[in-house]
Amino acid sequence: MNDFMKDWEDTPYPQMIRNLPEIDIPIEGIRGWLIQSKDKQIVFFDIEPIGNMPEHSHCAQWGIMLDGKMKLTIDNDTRIYQKGDWYYIPAGVLHSAEFLTKVYVIDVFDDPNRYQIK
């Protein structure tokens, strides 16, 4: 296997993404790399099949699934999301997730302070 392929072994994110600042998140099995602007955050998530993420709310969030399978409940509407699916969670709306497999997702948050840098 060449060095380029080794770069992709544990995550679909290349080194240019993994060189971004990592978010500080206290949940075992979740990693994320951050791009921050003056009013938004973009996080490249790498999530193990950790099970349930309890119901919570925060700023508006838009995401797109790169790979994996998760059950997402937004305002009591539950759906299974897989590669290529996208979702939008309006600000303040209760939502929860269950990570059924390893999940790779890119989320955009409408808050420049949603996550802090590790």
N, C-alpha and C. Protein backbone atom coordinates (compact mmCIF):
# COMPACT_ATOMS: atom_id res chain seq x y z
N MET A 1 0.85 -1.17 0.00
CA MET A 1 0.00 0.00 0.00
C MET A 1 0.90 1.24 0.00
N ASN A 2 0.58 2.22 -0.86
CA ASN A 2 1.41 3.41 -0.91
C ASN A 2 1.09 4.38 0.24
N ASP A 3 1.93 5.37 0.46
CA ASP A 3 1.76 6.31 1.57
C ASP A 3 0.46 7.10 1.45
N PHE A 4 0.02 7.39 0.23
CA PHE A 4 -1.23 8.11 0.05
C PHE A 4 -2.39 7.32 0.64
N MET A 5 -2.44 6.02 0.39
CA MET A 5 -3.53 5.18 0.89
C MET A 5 -3.45 5.03 2.41
N LYS A 6 -2.25 4.95 2.97
CA LYS A 6 -2.11 4.85 4.42
C LYS A 6 -2.72 6.06 5.11
N ASP A 7 -2.66 7.21 4.45
CA ASP A 7 -3.20 8.45 4.99
C ASP A 7 -4.71 8.33 5.23
N TRP A 8 -5.37 7.40 4.54
CA TRP A 8 -6.83 7.28 4.60
C TRP A 8 -7.29 6.07 5.42
N GLU A 9 -6.40 5.34 6.04
CA GLU A 9 -6.77 4.08 6.68
C GLU A 9 -7.78 4.22 7.81
N ASP A 10 -7.64 5.18 8.70
CA ASP A 10 -8.52 5.24 9.86
C ASP A 10 -9.65 6.25 9.74
N THR A 11 -9.67 7.03 8.69
CA THR A 11 -10.71 8.04 8.49
C THR A 11 -10.70 8.45 7.02
N PRO A 12 -11.84 8.88 6.49
CA PRO A 12 -11.83 9.32 5.09
C PRO A 12 -11.22 10.71 4.93
N TYR A 13 -10.92 11.38 6.04
CA TYR A 13 -10.40 12.73 5.96
C TYR A 13 -8.90 12.73 5.70
N PRO A 14 -8.45 13.42 4.67
CA PRO A 14 -7.02 13.49 4.39
C PRO A 14 -6.30 14.36 5.41
N GLN A 15 -4.99 14.33 5.35
CA GLN A 15 -4.16 15.07 6.29
C GLN A 15 -4.52 16.55 6.32
N MET A 16 -4.89 17.15 5.19
CA MET A 16 -5.24 18.57 5.17
C MET A 16 -6.42 18.88 6.10
N ILE A 17 -7.34 17.93 6.28
CA ILE A 17 -8.45 18.10 7.22
C ILE A 17 -7.98 17.80 8.64
N ARG A 18 -7.23 16.72 8.80
CA ARG A 18 -6.76 16.33 10.13
C ARG A 18 -5.72 17.30 10.70
N ASN A 19 -5.21 18.20 9.88
CA ASN A 19 -4.31 19.25 10.37
C ASN A 19 -5.09 20.44 10.92
N LEU A 20 -6.40 20.46 10.71
CA LEU A 20 -7.23 21.53 11.28
C LEU A 20 -7.28 21.36 12.80
N PRO A 21 -7.65 22.41 13.54
CA PRO A 21 -7.79 22.27 14.99
C PRO A 21 -8.85 21.22 15.33
N GLU A 22 -8.57 20.41 16.33
CA GLU A 22 -9.53 19.41 16.78
C GLU A 22 -10.45 20.05 17.83
N ILE A 23 -11.74 19.68 17.80
CA ILE A 23 -12.68 20.23 18.77
C ILE A 23 -12.50 19.55 20.12
N ASP A 24 -12.86 20.27 21.15
CA ASP A 24 -12.85 19.74 22.51
C ASP A 24 -14.26 19.23 22.80
N ILE A 25 -14.43 17.92 22.75
CA ILE A 25 -15.75 17.31 22.99
C ILE A 25 -15.56 16.19 24.01
N PRO A 26 -16.33 16.23 25.11
CA PRO A 26 -16.11 15.27 26.19
C PRO A 26 -16.80 13.92 26.01
N ILE A 27 -17.07 13.53 24.79
CA ILE A 27 -17.77 12.27 24.53
C ILE A 27 -16.80 11.30 23.88
N GLU A 28 -16.54 10.19 24.56
CA GLU A 28 -15.65 9.15 24.05
C GLU A 28 -16.18 8.62 22.72
N GLY A 29 -15.31 8.53 21.72
CA GLY A 29 -15.71 7.97 20.43
C GLY A 29 -16.10 9.01 19.40
N ILE A 30 -15.99 10.29 19.74
CA ILE A 30 -16.29 11.35 18.77
C ILE A 30 -15.06 12.23 18.61
N ARG A 31 -14.65 12.40 17.36
CA ARG A 31 -13.58 13.35 17.04
C ARG A 31 -14.13 14.30 15.99
N GLY A 32 -13.61 15.51 15.98
CA GLY A 32 -14.02 16.48 14.98
C GLY A 32 -12.93 17.50 14.73
N TRP A 33 -12.83 17.93 13.47
CA TRP A 33 -11.85 18.92 13.06
C TRP A 33 -12.61 20.16 12.60
N LEU A 34 -12.13 21.32 13.00
CA LEU A 34 -12.90 22.56 12.94
C LEU A 34 -12.37 23.57 11.93
N ILE A 35 -13.31 24.13 11.16
CA ILE A 35 -13.08 25.35 10.39
C ILE A 35 -14.02 26.39 10.99
N GLN A 36 -13.48 27.54 11.31
CA GLN A 36 -14.28 28.57 11.98
C GLN A 36 -14.23 29.87 11.19
N SER A 37 -15.40 30.50 11.05
CA SER A 37 -15.47 31.82 10.44
C SER A 37 -15.98 32.79 11.51
N LYS A 38 -16.24 34.01 11.14
CA LYS A 38 -16.71 34.97 12.14
C LYS A 38 -18.11 34.66 12.66
N ASP A 39 -18.90 33.88 11.92
CA ASP A 39 -20.26 33.60 12.39
C ASP A 39 -20.72 32.15 12.25
N LYS A 40 -19.83 31.25 11.82
CA LYS A 40 -20.19 29.84 11.64
C LYS A 40 -19.04 28.94 12.07
N GLN A 41 -19.36 27.65 12.25
CA GLN A 41 -18.35 26.61 12.42
C GLN A 41 -18.71 25.45 11.49
N ILE A 42 -17.69 24.89 10.90
CA ILE A 42 -17.84 23.66 10.11
C ILE A 42 -17.01 22.60 10.81
N VAL A 43 -17.63 21.46 11.10
CA VAL A 43 -16.93 20.38 11.80
C VAL A 43 -17.00 19.11 10.96
N PHE A 44 -15.83 18.51 10.75
CA PHE A 44 -15.70 17.23 10.07
C PHE A 44 -15.68 16.17 11.17
N PHE A 45 -16.80 15.49 11.37
CA PHE A 45 -16.93 14.53 12.46
C PHE A 45 -16.55 13.11 12.04
N ASP A 46 -15.93 12.40 12.97
CA ASP A 46 -15.57 10.99 12.88
C ASP A 46 -16.16 10.38 14.16
N ILE A 47 -17.26 9.63 14.03
CA ILE A 47 -18.02 9.17 15.20
C ILE A 47 -18.10 7.64 15.20
N GLU A 48 -17.63 7.05 16.27
CA GLU A 48 -17.74 5.60 16.46
C GLU A 48 -19.21 5.24 16.71
N PRO A 49 -19.58 3.97 16.57
CA PRO A 49 -20.97 3.56 16.85
C PRO A 49 -21.22 3.57 18.37
N ILE A 50 -21.30 4.75 18.94
CA ILE A 50 -21.39 4.93 20.39
C ILE A 50 -22.80 4.79 20.94
N GLY A 51 -23.76 4.59 20.08
CA GLY A 51 -25.14 4.48 20.57
C GLY A 51 -25.83 5.82 20.59
N ASN A 52 -26.55 6.09 21.67
CA ASN A 52 -27.42 7.26 21.73
C ASN A 52 -26.73 8.54 22.16
N MET A 53 -27.09 9.63 21.49
CA MET A 53 -26.74 10.98 21.90
C MET A 53 -28.05 11.55 22.46
N PRO A 54 -28.09 11.91 23.74
CA PRO A 54 -29.34 12.36 24.35
C PRO A 54 -29.93 13.60 23.66
N GLU A 55 -31.22 13.76 23.86
CA GLU A 55 -31.93 14.90 23.29
C GLU A 55 -31.34 16.21 23.82
N HIS A 56 -31.17 17.16 22.90
CA HIS A 56 -30.60 18.46 23.25
C HIS A 56 -30.99 19.47 22.17
N SER A 57 -30.65 20.72 22.39
CA SER A 57 -30.88 21.75 21.38
C SER A 57 -29.73 22.76 21.44
N HIS A 58 -29.57 23.49 20.35
CA HIS A 58 -28.54 24.52 20.24
C HIS A 58 -28.84 25.36 19.01
N CYS A 59 -27.83 26.02 18.47
CA CYS A 59 -27.99 26.85 17.27
C CYS A 59 -28.44 25.99 16.08
N ALA A 60 -28.77 26.66 14.98
CA ALA A 60 -29.14 25.94 13.76
C ALA A 60 -27.96 25.10 13.28
N GLN A 61 -28.28 23.94 12.69
CA GLN A 61 -27.27 22.99 12.25
C GLN A 61 -27.71 22.37 10.93
N TRP A 62 -26.80 22.32 9.97
CA TRP A 62 -27.02 21.62 8.71
C TRP A 62 -25.91 20.60 8.58
N GLY A 63 -26.24 19.39 8.15
CA GLY A 63 -25.23 18.36 8.01
C GLY A 63 -25.44 17.49 6.79
N ILE A 64 -24.35 16.86 6.35
CA ILE A 64 -24.42 15.90 5.25
C ILE A 64 -23.60 14.67 5.63
N MET A 65 -24.20 13.52 5.42
CA MET A 65 -23.57 12.24 5.74
C MET A 65 -22.59 11.85 4.64
N LEU A 66 -21.35 11.60 5.03
CA LEU A 66 -20.35 11.12 4.08
C LEU A 66 -20.33 9.60 4.02
N ASP A 67 -20.60 8.97 5.18
CA ASP A 67 -20.62 7.52 5.25
C ASP A 67 -21.21 7.10 6.59
N GLY A 68 -21.67 5.87 6.67
CA GLY A 68 -22.22 5.34 7.90
C GLY A 68 -23.74 5.41 7.95
N LYS A 69 -24.25 5.15 9.14
CA LYS A 69 -25.70 5.08 9.32
C LYS A 69 -26.05 5.59 10.71
N MET A 70 -26.96 6.57 10.77
CA MET A 70 -27.42 7.07 12.06
C MET A 70 -28.92 7.29 12.03
N LYS A 71 -29.50 7.11 13.19
CA LYS A 71 -30.91 7.40 13.39
C LYS A 71 -30.97 8.79 14.03
N LEU A 72 -31.63 9.72 13.37
CA LEU A 72 -31.70 11.09 13.85
C LEU A 72 -33.16 11.47 14.07
N THR A 73 -33.44 11.98 15.25
CA THR A 73 -34.78 12.45 15.58
C THR A 73 -34.72 13.96 15.71
N ILE A 74 -35.50 14.64 14.88
CA ILE A 74 -35.59 16.10 14.89
C ILE A 74 -37.03 16.47 15.16
N ASP A 75 -37.28 17.09 16.31
CA ASP A 75 -38.63 17.52 16.67
C ASP A 75 -39.64 16.36 16.55
N ASN A 76 -39.29 15.22 17.13
CA ASN A 76 -40.12 14.00 17.17
C ASN A 76 -40.29 13.30 15.82
N ASP A 77 -39.53 13.68 14.80
CA ASP A 77 -39.56 13.01 13.50
C ASP A 77 -38.26 12.22 13.37
N THR A 78 -38.36 10.87 13.37
CA THR A 78 -37.19 10.01 13.35
C THR A 78 -36.98 9.41 11.96
N ARG A 79 -35.75 9.51 11.48
CA ARG A 79 -35.38 8.95 10.18
C ARG A 79 -33.98 8.34 10.28
N ILE A 80 -33.70 7.43 9.36
CA ILE A 80 -32.37 6.85 9.22
C ILE A 80 -31.65 7.64 8.13
N TYR A 81 -30.44 8.09 8.44
CA TYR A 81 -29.62 8.85 7.49
C TYR A 81 -28.39 8.03 7.13
N GLN A 82 -28.05 8.06 5.83
CA GLN A 82 -26.91 7.32 5.31
C GLN A 82 -26.15 8.20 4.31
N LYS A 83 -25.12 7.64 3.73
CA LYS A 83 -24.27 8.37 2.78
C LYS A 83 -25.09 9.19 1.78
N GLY A 84 -24.78 10.48 1.71
CA GLY A 84 -25.44 11.37 0.76
C GLY A 84 -26.65 12.09 1.31
N ASP A 85 -27.20 11.63 2.43
CA ASP A 85 -28.37 12.28 3.02
C ASP A 85 -27.94 13.54 3.76
N TRP A 86 -28.80 14.53 3.75
CA TRP A 86 -28.54 15.76 4.49
C TRP A 86 -29.71 16.07 5.40
N TYR A 87 -29.48 16.92 6.38
CA TYR A 87 -30.52 17.30 7.34
C TYR A 87 -30.32 18.74 7.78
N TYR A 88 -31.38 19.33 8.28
CA TYR A 88 -31.34 20.68 8.82
C TYR A 88 -32.09 20.68 10.14
N ILE A 89 -31.46 21.24 11.16
CA ILE A 89 -32.07 21.34 12.48
C ILE A 89 -32.15 22.83 12.82
N PRO A 90 -33.35 23.40 12.85
CA PRO A 90 -33.47 24.82 13.18
C PRO A 90 -33.00 25.11 14.61
N ALA A 91 -32.61 26.33 14.86
CA ALA A 91 -32.14 26.75 16.18
C ALA A 91 -33.20 26.45 17.24
N GLY A 92 -32.76 25.89 18.36
CA GLY A 92 -33.64 25.64 19.49
C GLY A 92 -34.49 24.39 19.40
N VAL A 93 -34.47 23.68 18.28
CA VAL A 93 -35.31 22.49 18.11
C VAL A 93 -34.63 21.29 18.78
N LEU A 94 -35.40 20.56 19.58
CA LEU A 94 -34.88 19.37 20.26
C LEU A 94 -34.57 18.28 19.23
N HIS A 95 -33.43 17.61 19.43
CA HIS A 95 -33.04 16.52 18.54
C HIS A 95 -32.12 15.57 19.30
N SER A 96 -32.06 14.33 18.80
CA SER A 96 -31.20 13.30 19.37
C SER A 96 -30.72 12.41 18.23
N ALA A 97 -29.70 11.62 18.51
CA ALA A 97 -29.15 10.75 17.47
C ALA A 97 -28.75 9.42 18.07
N GLU A 98 -28.77 8.40 17.23
CA GLU A 98 -28.23 7.10 17.57
C GLU A 98 -27.30 6.71 16.43
N PHE A 99 -26.03 6.48 16.76
CA PHE A 99 -25.03 6.14 15.76
C PHE A 99 -24.97 4.62 15.63
N LEU A 100 -25.53 4.12 14.53
CA LEU A 100 -25.70 2.69 14.31
C LEU A 100 -24.43 2.02 13.78
N THR A 101 -23.61 2.78 13.08
CA THR A 101 -22.32 2.33 12.57
C THR A 101 -21.34 3.48 12.77
N LYS A 102 -20.12 3.29 12.35
CA LYS A 102 -19.19 4.42 12.34
C LYS A 102 -19.75 5.44 11.35
N VAL A 103 -19.73 6.70 11.74
CA VAL A 103 -20.35 7.77 10.95
C VAL A 103 -19.31 8.84 10.65
N TYR A 104 -19.32 9.29 9.41
CA TYR A 104 -18.53 10.44 8.98
C TYR A 104 -19.53 11.46 8.46
N VAL A 105 -19.52 12.64 9.05
CA VAL A 105 -20.50 13.66 8.70
C VAL A 105 -19.85 15.03 8.79
N ILE A 106 -20.27 15.93 7.92
CA ILE A 106 -19.84 17.32 7.99
C ILE A 106 -21.04 18.13 8.46
N ASP A 107 -20.85 18.86 9.56
CA ASP A 107 -21.92 19.71 10.11
C ASP A 107 -21.50 21.17 10.08
N VAL A 108 -22.46 22.02 9.73
CA VAL A 108 -22.27 23.47 9.78
C VAL A 108 -23.17 24.00 10.88
N PHE A 109 -22.58 24.74 11.81
CA PHE A 109 -23.30 25.31 12.95
C PHE A 109 -23.37 26.82 12.80
N ASP A 110 -24.54 27.37 13.07
CA ASP A 110 -24.78 28.80 12.95
C ASP A 110 -24.37 29.54 14.23
N ASP A 111 -23.19 29.20 14.72
CA ASP A 111 -22.66 29.81 15.95
C ASP A 111 -21.14 29.64 15.92
N PRO A 112 -20.39 30.73 15.92
CA PRO A 112 -18.94 30.61 15.86
C PRO A 112 -18.32 30.06 17.13
N ASN A 113 -19.11 29.89 18.18
CA ASN A 113 -18.60 29.41 19.46
C ASN A 113 -19.20 28.08 19.88
N ARG A 114 -19.81 27.34 18.96
CA ARG A 114 -20.44 26.07 19.30
C ARG A 114 -19.44 25.12 19.96
N TYR A 115 -18.27 24.97 19.37
CA TYR A 115 -17.22 24.11 19.94
C TYR A 115 -15.96 24.94 20.17
N GLN A 116 -15.24 24.54 21.19
CA GLN A 116 -13.95 25.14 21.48
C GLN A 116 -12.85 24.23 20.92
N ILE A 117 -11.68 24.79 20.72
CA ILE A 117 -10.54 24.02 20.22
C ILE A 117 -9.92 23.25 21.37
N LYS A 118 -9.56 22.00 21.10
CA LYS A 118 -8.92 21.12 22.09
C LYS A 118 -7.57 21.67 22.51
